Amino acid sequence: MSLRDWFAGPVAERYDSSLGERGDPAVIDATAGFLAELARGGALELGIGTGRIALPLAERGVRVHGIDLSPDMVAQLRAKPGGDAIPVAIGDFATTTVGETFPLVYVVFNTINNLTTQDAQVACFENAAAHLEPGGCFVVEVGTPSCEPLRVFNLSDTHVGVDEYDAATQRLVSHHFSLADGRWERLSMPFRSVSPAELDLMARIAGMRLRERWGGWRREPFTSESTKHVSVWELRGSLPSLE
């Protein structure tokens, strides 16, 4: 069964304008700086999207590749300066391969949650590990599970975002209400919330171990009060070749 592209058409066209603080140049710079230290010249982004992080990382001299399910999101990347120079494979980033390995594989901005089953998330870790050089790192940025069944995560004159969370099933639905051309439009997108401990187990299944975990890209301490984490897992040894 083919996966649904939730970021097609108008969603892709408006994506960059709805980033909120994730679109802040200071946040982007901190993210790219953190990743560049681990990349050692090469990186693969899972869910590369419009290139919010890939392009500034490439500007730092990193050879960036990408995987993304949405051709429309990648079209937005291609329209930007330098976007044509980044190779991107279209497909499910949990299973799509690019035939080479990298010092760094990363997935940011809660994109791991776009995989809505535990099996798919485990497959993503295994796919990341298969694309890593020995000693390479897999980095994930994702929010911590909320204790609240409803949470407003964005509120502005043109966009309202509300998360609906079911702790029993780990199902998370993000409801987006956007003002476009004078009228409000609703998009409800499914996710699977996942705890840091469950991600650590997925990493172990894929042959990786936790190297470090932070509360943000500026290496803020990760505590029980943190609303997100940036985790770095390291590949323990060599895995079978992609070829």
C-alpha atoms as a PDB file:
ATOM      1  CA  MET A   1       0.000   0.000   0.000  1.00  0.00           C
ATOM      2  CA  SER A   2       1.414   3.386  -0.985  1.00  0.00           C
ATOM      3  CA  LEU A   3       1.931   6.047   1.646  1.00  0.00           C
ATOM      4  CA  ARG A   4      -0.060   9.260   1.550  1.00  0.00           C
ATOM      5  CA  ASP A   5       1.879  12.435   0.779  1.00  0.00           C
ATOM      6  CA  TRP A   6       0.511  14.876   3.369  1.00  0.00           C
ATOM      7  CA  PHE A   7       2.756  17.677   2.089  1.00  0.00           C
ATOM      8  CA  ALA A   8       1.541  17.896  -1.501  1.00  0.00           C
ATOM      9  CA  GLY A   9       0.258  20.977  -3.313  1.00  0.00           C
ATOM     10  CA  PRO A  10      -0.656  24.012  -1.191  1.00  0.00           C
ATOM     11  CA  VAL A  11       0.905  22.465   1.941  1.00  0.00           C
ATOM     12  CA  ALA A  12       4.305  22.418   0.244  1.00  0.00           C
ATOM     13  CA  GLU A  13       3.782  25.896  -1.190  1.00  0.00           C
ATOM     14  CA  ARG A  14       3.010  27.377   2.246  1.00  0.00           C
ATOM     15  CA  TYR A  15       5.388  25.201   4.246  1.00  0.00           C
ATOM     16  CA  ASP A  16       8.229  27.679   4.690  1.00  0.00           C
ATOM     17  CA  SER A  17       5.864  30.433   5.805  1.00  0.00           C
ATOM     18  CA  SER A  18       4.419  28.244   8.577  1.00  0.00           C
ATOM     19  CA  LEU A  19       7.647  27.219  10.301  1.00  0.00           C
ATOM     20  CA  GLY A  20       7.313  29.526  13.295  1.00  0.00           C
ATOM     21  CA  GLU A  21      10.454  29.604  15.428  1.00  0.00           C
ATOM     22  CA  ARG A  22      11.941  26.751  13.359  1.00  0.00           C
ATOM     23  CA  GLY A  23      12.306  29.287  10.553  1.00  0.00           C
ATOM     24  CA  ASP A  24      14.293  31.697  12.744  1.00  0.00           C
ATOM     25  CA  PRO A  25      17.773  32.164  11.179  1.00  0.00           C
ATOM     26  CA  ALA A  26      19.369  31.771  14.624  1.00  0.00           C
ATOM     27  CA  VAL A  27      17.644  28.398  15.132  1.00  0.00           C
ATOM     28  CA  ILE A  28      18.626  27.246  11.648  1.00  0.00           C
ATOM     29  CA  ASP A  29      22.231  28.339  12.251  1.00  0.00           C
ATOM     30  CA  ALA A  30      22.401  26.458  15.567  1.00  0.00           C
ATOM     31  CA  THR A  31      20.954  23.330  13.938  1.00  0.00           C
ATOM     32  CA  ALA A  32      23.324  23.418  10.982  1.00  0.00           C
ATOM     33  CA  GLY A  33      26.279  24.121  13.250  1.00  0.00           C
ATOM     34  CA  PHE A  34      25.510  21.123  15.481  1.00  0.00           C
ATOM     35  CA  LEU A  35      25.125  18.795  12.506  1.00  0.00           C
ATOM     36  CA  ALA A  36      28.190  20.097  10.663  1.00  0.00           C
ATOM     37  CA  GLU A  37      30.391  19.076  13.607  1.00  0.00           C
ATOM     38  CA  LEU A  38      29.265  15.461  13.163  1.00  0.00           C
ATOM     39  CA  ALA A  39      29.064  15.375   9.365  1.00  0.00           C
ATOM     40  CA  ARG A  40      32.802  15.359   8.613  1.00  0.00           C
ATOM     41  CA  GLY A  41      31.947  16.431   5.073  1.00  0.00           C
ATOM     42  CA  GLY A  42      28.970  14.177   4.288  1.00  0.00           C
ATOM     43  CA  ALA A  43      25.382  13.777   5.497  1.00  0.00           C
ATOM     44  CA  LEU A  44      22.056  12.216   4.538  1.00  0.00           C
ATOM     45  CA  GLU A  45      18.835  13.944   5.584  1.00  0.00           C
ATOM     46  CA  LEU A  46      15.707  11.829   5.983  1.00  0.00           C
ATOM     47  CA  GLY A  47      12.672  13.918   5.104  1.00  0.00           C
ATOM     48  CA  ILE A  48      14.721  16.683   3.490  1.00  0.00           C
ATOM     49  CA  GLY A  49      11.623  18.666   2.522  1.00  0.00           C
ATOM     50  CA  THR A  50      12.219  22.201   1.288  1.00  0.00           C
ATOM     51  CA  GLY A  51      15.846  22.235   2.409  1.00  0.00           C
ATOM     52  CA  ARG A  52      15.478  24.342   5.564  1.00  0.00           C
ATOM     53  CA  ILE A  53      18.517  22.605   7.088  1.00  0.00           C
ATOM     54  CA  ALA A  54      20.105  20.905   4.075  1.00  0.00           C
ATOM     55  CA  LEU A  55      20.894  24.151   2.249  1.00  0.00           C
ATOM     56  CA  PRO A  56      22.663  25.944   5.124  1.00  0.00           C
ATOM     57  CA  LEU A  57      24.490  22.700   5.901  1.00  0.00           C
ATOM     58  CA  ALA A  58      25.667  22.499   2.290  1.00  0.00           C
ATOM     59  CA  GLU A  59      26.817  26.119   2.549  1.00  0.00           C
ATOM     60  CA  ARG A  60      29.106  24.980   5.374  1.00  0.00           C
ATOM     61  CA  GLY A  61      30.837  22.605   2.968  1.00  0.00           C
ATOM     62  CA  VAL A  62      28.922  19.433   3.794  1.00  0.00           C
ATOM     63  CA  ARG A  63      28.041  17.095   0.905  1.00  0.00           C
ATOM     64  CA  VAL A  64      24.312  16.630   1.574  1.00  0.00           C
ATOM     65  CA  HIS A  65      22.004  13.978   0.117  1.00  0.00           C
ATOM     66  CA  GLY A  66      18.314  13.603   0.892  1.00  0.00           C
ATOM     67  CA  ILE A  67      15.320  11.284   0.877  1.00  0.00           C
ATOM     68  CA  ASP A  68      11.734  12.557   0.827  1.00  0.00           C
ATOM     69  CA  LEU A  69       8.312  11.153   0.025  1.00  0.00           C
ATOM     70  CA  SER A  70       6.910  14.411  -1.370  1.00  0.00           C
ATOM     71  CA  PRO A  71       7.884  15.564  -4.890  1.00  0.00           C
ATOM     72  CA  ASP A  72       6.179  18.910  -4.214  1.00  0.00           C
ATOM     73  CA  MET A  73       8.328  19.595  -1.152  1.00  0.00           C
ATOM     74  CA  VAL A  74      11.440  18.708  -3.121  1.00  0.00           C
ATOM     75  CA  ALA A  75      10.273  21.056  -5.901  1.00  0.00           C
ATOM     76  CA  GLN A  76      10.365  23.865  -3.339  1.00  0.00           C
ATOM     77  CA  LEU A  77      13.940  22.869  -2.491  1.00  0.00           C
ATOM     78  CA  ARG A  78      14.889  22.840  -6.158  1.00  0.00           C
ATOM     79  CA  ALA A  79      13.560  26.392  -6.622  1.00  0.00           C
ATOM     80  CA  LYS A  80      16.027  27.780  -4.056  1.00  0.00           C
ATOM     81  CA  PRO A  81      19.629  28.795  -4.756  1.00  0.00           C
ATOM     82  CA  GLY A  82      21.781  25.696  -4.487  1.00  0.00           C
ATOM     83  CA  GLY A  83      18.777  23.372  -4.361  1.00  0.00           C
ATOM     84  CA  ASP A  84      19.550  21.729  -7.707  1.00  0.00           C
ATOM     85  CA  ALA A  85      22.946  20.600  -6.420  1.00  0.00           C
ATOM     86  CA  ILE A  86      21.540  18.348  -3.686  1.00  0.00           C
ATOM     87  CA  PRO A  87      20.734  14.777  -4.800  1.00  0.00           C
ATOM     88  CA  VAL A  88      17.334  13.630  -3.484  1.00  0.00           C
ATOM     89  CA  ALA A  89      15.725  10.190  -3.729  1.00  0.00           C
ATOM     90  CA  ILE A  90      11.914  10.260  -3.768  1.00  0.00           C
ATOM     91  CA  GLY A  91      10.440   7.638  -1.469  1.00  0.00           C
ATOM     92  CA  ASP A  92       9.652   6.520   2.063  1.00  0.00           C
ATOM     93  CA  PHE A  93      12.676   7.467   4.164  1.00  0.00           C
ATOM     94  CA  ALA A  94      12.143   4.400   6.370  1.00  0.00           C
ATOM     95  CA  THR A  95      13.034   2.076   3.500  1.00  0.00           C
ATOM     96  CA  THR A  96      14.440   4.039   0.525  1.00  0.00           C
ATOM     97  CA  THR A  97      18.195   3.728  -0.014  1.00  0.00           C
ATOM     98  CA  VAL A  98      20.709   5.862  -1.903  1.00  0.00           C
ATOM     99  CA  GLY A  99      23.510   3.313  -2.386  1.00  0.00           C
ATOM    100  CA  GLU A 100      26.246   4.927  -0.290  1.00  0.00           C
ATOM    101  CA  THR A 101      27.184   5.621   3.305  1.00  0.00           C
ATOM    102  CA  PHE A 102      27.805   8.810   5.278  1.00  0.00           C
ATOM    103  CA  PRO A 103      29.362   9.967   8.546  1.00  0.00           C
ATOM    104  CA  LEU A 104      25.974  11.431   9.509  1.00  0.00           C
ATOM    105  CA  VAL A 105      22.294  10.633   8.951  1.00  0.00           C
ATOM    106  CA  TYR A 106      19.748  12.968  10.510  1.00  0.00           C
ATOM    107  CA  VAL A 107      16.022  13.666  10.776  1.00  0.00           C
ATOM    108  CA  VAL A 108      14.752  16.921  12.300  1.00  0.00           C
ATOM    109  CA  PHE A 109      11.589  18.830  13.264  1.00  0.00           C
ATOM    110  CA  ASN A 110       9.553  15.828  14.550  1.00  0.00           C
ATOM    111  CA  THR A 111       9.743  14.163  11.140  1.00  0.00           C
ATOM    112  CA  ILE A 112      10.347  10.757  12.757  1.00  0.00           C
ATOM    113  CA  ASN A 113       6.742  11.040  13.979  1.00  0.00           C
ATOM    114  CA  ASN A 114       5.476  11.070  10.387  1.00  0.00           C
ATOM    115  CA  LEU A 115       6.078   7.322  10.522  1.00  0.00           C
ATOM    116  CA  THR A 116       2.842   6.263  12.184  1.00  0.00           C
ATOM    117  CA  THR A 117       3.703   2.719  13.310  1.00  0.00           C
ATOM    118  CA  GLN A 118       6.378   1.292  15.564  1.00  0.00           C
ATOM    119  CA  ASP A 119       7.493  -1.044  12.764  1.00  0.00           C
ATOM    120  CA  ALA A 120       8.053   1.906  10.432  1.00  0.00           C
ATOM    121  CA  GLN A 121      10.053   3.795  13.041  1.00  0.00           C
ATOM    122  CA  VAL A 122      12.220   0.739  13.731  1.00  0.00           C
ATOM    123  CA  ALA A 123      12.742   0.358   9.979  1.00  0.00           C
ATOM    124  CA  CYS A 124      13.854   3.990   9.845  1.00  0.00           C
ATOM    125  CA  PHE A 125      16.550   3.339  12.451  1.00  0.00           C
ATOM    126  CA  GLU A 126      17.680   0.269  10.547  1.00  0.00           C
ATOM    127  CA  ASN A 127      17.765   2.245   7.293  1.00  0.00           C
ATOM    128  CA  ALA A 128      19.747   5.036   8.961  1.00  0.00           C
ATOM    129  CA  ALA A 129      22.249   2.512  10.321  1.00  0.00           C
ATOM    130  CA  ALA A 130      22.633   0.930   6.869  1.00  0.00           C
ATOM    131  CA  HIS A 131      23.584   4.372   5.495  1.00  0.00           C
ATOM    132  CA  LEU A 132      26.186   5.093   8.189  1.00  0.00           C
ATOM    133  CA  GLU A 133      29.917   4.616   8.003  1.00  0.00           C
ATOM    134  CA  PRO A 134      31.397   2.696  10.971  1.00  0.00           C
ATOM    135  CA  GLY A 135      31.401   5.077  13.929  1.00  0.00           C
ATOM    136  CA  GLY A 136      28.920   7.381  12.162  1.00  0.00           C
ATOM    137  CA  CYS A 137      26.040   9.090  13.932  1.00  0.00           C
ATOM    138  CA  PHE A 138      22.258   9.196  13.574  1.00  0.00           C
ATOM    139  CA  VAL A 139      20.662  12.398  14.927  1.00  0.00           C
ATOM    140  CA  VAL A 140      16.958  12.843  15.671  1.00  0.00           C
ATOM    141  CA  GLU A 141      15.191  16.027  16.809  1.00  0.00           C
ATOM    142  CA  VAL A 142      11.724  15.294  18.179  1.00  0.00           C
ATOM    143  CA  GLY A 143       9.302  16.515  20.805  1.00  0.00           C
ATOM    144  CA  THR A 144       8.742  14.591  24.021  1.00  0.00           C
ATOM    145  CA  PRO A 145       5.303  12.985  24.433  1.00  0.00           C
ATOM    146  CA  SER A 146       2.752  15.339  25.970  1.00  0.00           C
ATOM    147  CA  CYS A 147       0.684  14.446  29.026  1.00  0.00           C
ATOM    148  CA  GLU A 148      -2.147  16.630  27.752  1.00  0.00           C
ATOM    149  CA  PRO A 149      -4.817  15.220  25.411  1.00  0.00           C
ATOM    150  CA  LEU A 150      -5.067  18.635  23.686  1.00  0.00           C
ATOM    151  CA  ARG A 151      -2.285  21.199  23.299  1.00  0.00           C
ATOM    152  CA  VAL A 152      -2.149  24.430  21.302  1.00  0.00           C
ATOM    153  CA  PHE A 153       1.321  24.537  19.730  1.00  0.00           C
ATOM    154  CA  ASN A 154       0.858  27.584  17.518  1.00  0.00           C
ATOM    155  CA  LEU A 155      -1.446  30.591  17.665  1.00  0.00           C
ATOM    156  CA  SER A 156      -1.221  33.500  15.256  1.00  0.00           C
ATOM    157  CA  ASP A 157      -3.452  35.654  13.078  1.00  0.00           C
ATOM    158  CA  THR A 158      -3.061  33.251  10.162  1.00  0.00           C
ATOM    159  CA  HIS A 159      -2.427  29.849  11.753  1.00  0.00           C
ATOM    160  CA  VAL A 160      -3.717  27.856  14.714  1.00  0.00           C
ATOM    161  CA  GLY A 161      -2.139  24.494  15.531  1.00  0.00           C
ATOM    162  CA  VAL A 162      -3.621  22.017  17.990  1.00  0.00           C
ATOM    163  CA  ASP A 163      -2.190  18.605  18.887  1.00  0.00           C
ATOM    164  CA  GLU A 164      -4.602  15.822  19.888  1.00  0.00           C
ATOM    165  CA  TYR A 165      -2.814  12.995  21.748  1.00  0.00           C
ATOM    166  CA  ASP A 166      -3.985   9.539  22.835  1.00  0.00           C
ATOM    167  CA  ALA A 167      -1.470   8.138  25.332  1.00  0.00           C
ATOM    168  CA  ALA A 168      -2.931   4.627  25.109  1.00  0.00           C
ATOM    169  CA  THR A 169      -2.111   4.268  21.406  1.00  0.00           C
ATOM    170  CA  GLN A 170       0.634   6.936  21.064  1.00  0.00           C
ATOM    171  CA  ARG A 171      -1.424   8.371  18.217  1.00  0.00           C
ATOM    172  CA  LEU A 172      -0.906  12.088  17.734  1.00  0.00           C
ATOM    173  CA  VAL A 173      -2.973  14.182  15.325  1.00  0.00           C
ATOM    174  CA  SER A 174      -1.891  17.721  14.506  1.00  0.00           C
ATOM    175  CA  HIS A 175      -4.791  19.922  13.449  1.00  0.00           C
ATOM    176  CA  HIS A 176      -3.741  22.943  11.399  1.00  0.00           C
ATOM    177  CA  PHE A 177      -6.163  25.804  10.797  1.00  0.00           C
ATOM    178  CA  SER A 178      -4.677  28.180   8.215  1.00  0.00           C
ATOM    179  CA  LEU A 179      -6.014  31.444   6.817  1.00  0.00           C
ATOM    180  CA  ALA A 180      -5.504  31.383   3.057  1.00  0.00           C
ATOM    181  CA  ASP A 181      -7.052  33.727   0.509  1.00  0.00           C
ATOM    182  CA  GLY A 182      -9.458  35.114   3.089  1.00  0.00           C
ATOM    183  CA  ARG A 183     -10.811  31.827   4.375  1.00  0.00           C
ATOM    184  CA  TRP A 184      -9.789  29.268   7.001  1.00  0.00           C
ATOM    185  CA  GLU A 185      -8.665  25.813   5.893  1.00  0.00           C
ATOM    186  CA  ARG A 186      -8.177  22.747   8.090  1.00  0.00           C
ATOM    187  CA  LEU A 187      -5.624  19.985   7.701  1.00  0.00           C
ATOM    188  CA  SER A 188      -5.414  17.121  10.223  1.00  0.00           C
ATOM    189  CA  MET A 189      -2.201  15.121   9.964  1.00  0.00           C
ATOM    190  CA  PRO A 190      -1.476  11.816  11.808  1.00  0.00           C
ATOM    191  CA  PHE A 191       1.732  11.077  13.699  1.00  0.00           C
ATOM    192  CA  ARG A 192       3.084   8.556  16.179  1.00  0.00           C
ATOM    193  CA  SER A 193       4.547  10.026  19.345  1.00  0.00           C
ATOM    194  CA  VAL A 194       7.531   8.180  20.775  1.00  0.00           C
ATOM    195  CA  SER A 195       9.510   8.454  24.020  1.00  0.00           C
ATOM    196  CA  PRO A 196      13.295   8.839  24.272  1.00  0.00           C
ATOM    197  CA  ALA A 197      13.529   5.404  25.905  1.00  0.00           C
ATOM    198  CA  GLU A 198      11.659   3.740  23.027  1.00  0.00           C
ATOM    199  CA  LEU A 199      13.924   5.462  20.528  1.00  0.00           C
ATOM    200  CA  ASP A 200      16.968   4.192  22.425  1.00  0.00           C
ATOM    201  CA  LEU A 201      15.628   0.649  22.105  1.00  0.00           C
ATOM    202  CA  MET A 202      15.058   1.144  18.373  1.00  0.00           C
ATOM    203  CA  ALA A 203      18.652   2.333  18.078  1.00  0.00           C
ATOM    204  CA  ARG A 204      19.900  -0.757  19.919  1.00  0.00           C
ATOM    205  CA  ILE A 205      17.911  -2.996  17.550  1.00  0.00           C
ATOM    206  CA  ALA A 206      19.647  -1.235  14.643  1.00  0.00           C
ATOM    207  CA  GLY A 207      23.136  -1.680  16.141  1.00  0.00           C
ATOM    208  CA  MET A 208      23.562   1.821  17.561  1.00  0.00           C
ATOM    209  CA  ARG A 209      24.097   3.189  21.058  1.00  0.00           C
ATOM    210  CA  LEU A 210      23.235   6.535  22.605  1.00  0.00           C
ATOM    211  CA  ARG A 211      26.165   8.925  22.493  1.00  0.00           C
ATOM    212  CA  GLU A 212      24.529  12.128  23.765  1.00  0.00           C
ATOM    213  CA  ARG A 213      21.120  13.709  24.323  1.00  0.00           C
ATOM    214  CA  TRP A 214      20.336  17.405  24.641  1.00  0.00           C
ATOM    215  CA  GLY A 215      17.312  19.587  25.190  1.00  0.00           C
ATOM    216  CA  GLY A 216      18.078  21.595  22.021  1.00  0.00           C
ATOM    217  CA  TRP A 217      20.601  22.366  19.304  1.00  0.00           C
ATOM    218  CA  ARG A 218      22.629  24.637  21.593  1.00  0.00           C
ATOM    219  CA  ARG A 219      23.295  21.638  23.838  1.00  0.00           C
ATOM    220  CA  GLU A 220      20.863  22.691  26.527  1.00  0.00           C
ATOM    221  CA  PRO A 221      20.605  19.988  29.235  1.00  0.00           C
ATOM    222  CA  PHE A 222      17.863  17.430  28.681  1.00  0.00           C
ATOM    223  CA  THR A 223      15.650  17.261  31.766  1.00  0.00           C
ATOM    224  CA  SER A 224      12.166  16.128  32.778  1.00  0.00           C
ATOM    225  CA  GLU A 225      10.999  19.631  31.843  1.00  0.00           C
ATOM    226  CA  SER A 226      12.332  19.480  28.271  1.00  0.00           C
ATOM    227  CA  THR A 227       9.663  19.622  25.572  1.00  0.00           C
ATOM    228  CA  LYS A 228      11.964  18.141  22.916  1.00  0.00           C
ATOM    229  CA  HIS A 229      15.302  16.433  22.585  1.00  0.00           C
ATOM    230  CA  VAL A 230      18.172  16.194  20.141  1.00  0.00           C
ATOM    231  CA  SER A 231      19.600  12.683  20.410  1.00  0.00           C
ATOM    232  CA  VAL A 232      22.780  11.313  18.856  1.00  0.00           C
ATOM    233  CA  TRP A 233      23.282   7.576  18.412  1.00  0.00           C
ATOM    234  CA  GLU A 234      26.550   6.087  17.212  1.00  0.00           C
ATOM    235  CA  LEU A 235      26.922   3.015  15.015  1.00  0.00           C
ATOM    236  CA  ARG A 236      28.751   0.362  17.032  1.00  0.00           C
ATOM    237  CA  GLY A 237      30.290  -1.540  14.132  1.00  0.00           C
ATOM    238  CA  SER A 238      30.084  -2.218  10.423  1.00  0.00           C
ATOM    239  CA  LEU A 239      26.796  -3.395   8.891  1.00  0.00           C
ATOM    240  CA  PRO A 240      26.133  -5.157   5.551  1.00  0.00           C
ATOM    241  CA  SER A 241      26.730  -3.001   2.485  1.00  0.00           C
ATOM    242  CA  LEU A 242      23.837  -1.309   0.670  1.00  0.00           C
ATOM    243  CA  GLU A 243      25.127  -2.672  -2.634  1.00  0.00           C
END
